C-alpha atoms as a PDB file:
ATOM      1  CA  ARG A   1     -10.948-120.134 -32.524  1.00  0.00           C
ATOM      2  CA  ALA A   2      -8.376-120.034 -29.733  1.00  0.00           C
ATOM      3  CA  ARG A   3      -5.584-119.265 -32.203  1.00  0.00           C
ATOM      4  CA  THR A   4      -7.545-116.312 -33.531  1.00  0.00           C
ATOM      5  CA  ALA A   5      -8.203-114.936 -30.029  1.00  0.00           C
ATOM      6  CA  ASN A   6      -4.529-115.395 -29.141  1.00  0.00           C
ATOM      7  CA  ALA A   7      -3.481-113.583 -32.325  1.00  0.00           C
ATOM      8  CA  HIS A   8      -5.773-110.670 -31.463  1.00  0.00           C
ATOM      9  CA  ALA A   9      -4.202-110.454 -28.000  1.00  0.00           C
ATOM     10  CA  ALA A  10      -0.675-110.492 -29.447  1.00  0.00           C
ATOM     11  CA  ALA A  11      -1.553-107.757 -31.955  1.00  0.00           C
ATOM     12  CA  LEU A  12      -3.145-105.624 -29.238  1.00  0.00           C
ATOM     13  CA  ALA A  13      -0.091-106.113 -27.030  1.00  0.00           C
ATOM     14  CA  ARG A  14       2.241-104.910 -29.790  1.00  0.00           C
ATOM     15  CA  ALA A  15       0.117-101.847 -30.487  1.00  0.00           C
ATOM     16  CA  ILE A  16      -0.662-100.792 -26.926  1.00  0.00           C
ATOM     17  CA  THR A  17       2.860-101.248 -25.553  1.00  0.00           C
ATOM     18  CA  ALA A  18       4.112 -98.893 -28.259  1.00  0.00           C
ATOM     19  CA  LEU A  19       2.312 -96.129 -26.362  1.00  0.00           C
ATOM     20  CA  PRO A  20       4.293 -94.220 -23.720  1.00  0.00           C
ATOM     21  CA  GLY A  21       3.951 -95.442 -20.164  1.00  0.00           C
ATOM     22  CA  VAL A  22       2.208 -98.705 -21.087  1.00  0.00           C
ATOM     23  CA  SER A  23       3.916-101.953 -20.155  1.00  0.00           C
ATOM     24  CA  LEU A  24       3.149-105.637 -20.117  1.00  0.00           C
ATOM     25  CA  VAL A  25       3.119-107.224 -16.681  1.00  0.00           C
ATOM     26  CA  ALA A  26       3.387-110.754 -18.107  1.00  0.00           C
ATOM     27  CA  PRO A  27       4.108-112.253 -21.529  1.00  0.00           C
ATOM     28  CA  VAL A  28       1.126-112.667 -23.829  1.00  0.00           C
ATOM     29  CA  GLU A  29       0.788-116.417 -24.232  1.00  0.00           C
ATOM     30  CA  ILE A  30      -2.983-116.774 -24.602  1.00  0.00           C
ATOM     31  CA  ASN A  31      -5.884-114.433 -25.298  1.00  0.00           C
ATOM     32  CA  MET A  32      -5.279-112.351 -22.150  1.00  0.00           C
ATOM     33  CA  LEU A  33      -3.115-109.285 -21.647  1.00  0.00           C
ATOM     34  CA  PHE A  34      -1.929-108.081 -18.267  1.00  0.00           C
ATOM     35  CA  LEU A  35      -0.917-104.439 -18.513  1.00  0.00           C
ATOM     36  CA  ARG A  36       0.112-101.506 -16.406  1.00  0.00           C
ATOM     37  CA  LEU A  37      -1.063 -98.135 -17.700  1.00  0.00           C
ATOM     38  CA  PRO A  38      -0.715 -94.550 -16.481  1.00  0.00           C
ATOM     39  CA  GLU A  39      -3.564 -93.420 -14.226  1.00  0.00           C
ATOM     40  CA  THR A  40      -4.883 -91.009 -16.854  1.00  0.00           C
ATOM     41  CA  ALA A  41      -5.354 -93.911 -19.271  1.00  0.00           C
ATOM     42  CA  VAL A  42      -7.068 -96.039 -16.611  1.00  0.00           C
ATOM     43  CA  ALA A  43      -9.433 -93.170 -15.799  1.00  0.00           C
ATOM     44  CA  ALA A  44     -10.268 -92.752 -19.495  1.00  0.00           C
ATOM     45  CA  LEU A  45     -10.918 -96.472 -19.846  1.00  0.00           C
ATOM     46  CA  ASP A  46     -13.215 -96.350 -16.825  1.00  0.00           C
ATOM     47  CA  ARG A  47     -15.357 -93.924 -18.830  1.00  0.00           C
ATOM     48  CA  GLY A  48     -14.629 -95.543 -22.175  1.00  0.00           C
ATOM     49  CA  PRO A  49     -15.570 -98.201 -24.609  1.00  0.00           C
ATOM     50  CA  CYS A  50     -14.120-101.412 -23.151  1.00  0.00           C
ATOM     51  CA  ASP A  51     -14.647-103.926 -20.407  1.00  0.00           C
ATOM     52  CA  PHE A  52     -11.571-104.907 -18.443  1.00  0.00           C
ATOM     53  CA  TYR A  53     -10.586-106.158 -15.027  1.00  0.00           C
ATOM     54  CA  LYS A  54      -8.592-104.254 -12.438  1.00  0.00           C
ATOM     55  CA  LEU A  55      -6.128-106.329 -10.485  1.00  0.00           C
ATOM     56  CA  GLY A  56      -4.542-103.846  -8.120  1.00  0.00           C
ATOM     57  CA  ARG A  57      -2.370-101.579 -10.304  1.00  0.00           C
ATOM     58  CA  ASP A  58      -2.612-103.983 -13.227  1.00  0.00           C
ATOM     59  CA  LEU A  59      -5.348-104.419 -15.797  1.00  0.00           C
ATOM     60  CA  ARG A  60      -6.464-107.567 -17.569  1.00  0.00           C
ATOM     61  CA  PHE A  61      -7.931-107.513 -21.055  1.00  0.00           C
ATOM     62  CA  VAL A  62      -9.379-110.584 -22.741  1.00  0.00           C
ATOM     63  CA  CYS A  63      -9.639-110.890 -26.533  1.00  0.00           C
ATOM     64  CA  ARG A  64     -12.313-113.018 -28.167  1.00  0.00           C
ATOM     65  CA  HIS A  65     -11.980-115.006 -31.365  1.00  0.00           C
ATOM     66  CA  ASP A  66     -14.713-112.858 -32.930  1.00  0.00           C
ATOM     67  CA  GLN A  67     -13.175-109.593 -31.720  1.00  0.00           C
ATOM     68  CA  GLU A  68     -13.940-106.809 -34.154  1.00  0.00           C
ATOM     69  CA  PRO A  69     -11.029-104.612 -35.249  1.00  0.00           C
ATOM     70  CA  ALA A  70     -13.126-101.559 -34.393  1.00  0.00           C
ATOM     71  CA  GLY A  71     -13.169-102.620 -30.736  1.00  0.00           C
ATOM     72  CA  ILE A  72      -9.397-102.893 -30.618  1.00  0.00           C
ATOM     73  CA  GLU A  73      -9.059 -99.518 -32.327  1.00  0.00           C
ATOM     74  CA  ALA A  74     -11.501 -97.966 -29.835  1.00  0.00           C
ATOM     75  CA  LEU A  75      -9.388 -99.238 -26.942  1.00  0.00           C
ATOM     76  CA  LEU A  76      -6.173 -97.954 -28.503  1.00  0.00           C
ATOM     77  CA  GLY A  77      -7.787 -94.623 -29.372  1.00  0.00           C
ATOM     78  CA  CYS A  78      -9.042 -94.146 -25.825  1.00  0.00           C
ATOM     79  CA  VAL A  79      -5.612 -94.835 -24.295  1.00  0.00           C
ATOM     80  CA  ARG A  80      -3.813 -92.769 -26.943  1.00  0.00           C
ATOM     81  CA  ALA A  81      -6.129 -89.778 -26.386  1.00  0.00           C
ATOM     82  CA  ALA A  82      -5.670 -89.952 -22.614  1.00  0.00           C
ATOM     83  CA  LEU A  83      -1.892 -90.083 -22.926  1.00  0.00           C
ATOM     84  CA  THR A  84      -1.850 -87.269 -25.477  1.00  0.00           C
ATOM     85  CA  SER A  85      -4.003 -85.146 -23.175  1.00  0.00           C
ATOM     86  CA  ARG A  86      -1.639 -85.845 -20.269  1.00  0.00           C
ATOM     87  CA  ALA A  87       1.399 -84.899 -22.351  1.00  0.00           C
ATOM     88  CA  THR A  88      -0.260 -81.687 -23.516  1.00  0.00           C
ATOM     89  CA  GLU A  89      -1.120 -80.704 -19.942  1.00  0.00           C
ATOM     90  CA  ALA A  90       2.462 -81.383 -18.809  1.00  0.00           C
ATOM     91  CA  VAL A  91       3.790 -78.930 -21.423  1.00  0.00           C
ATOM     92  CA  ARG A  92       1.518 -76.102 -20.240  1.00  0.00           C
END
């Protein structure tokens, strides 16, 4: 079960850090991710589909062994939409 949760965290880390402005604060070694995201993404997540922990400027996400792919996609979609919205507003 732990291996599965760790694999989910690693996959999420690869996908989310591919988005602009998102960075890992620490290596993903277990089922937790420590990330830094742009404020627009944090604000969207505050309204959005996921539970997470704020640690100052950093965020902590925890993946479960029974994590559904739809939950990971919802998180990525929320961050992606917020960053796309920010980029669109910057062009105007």
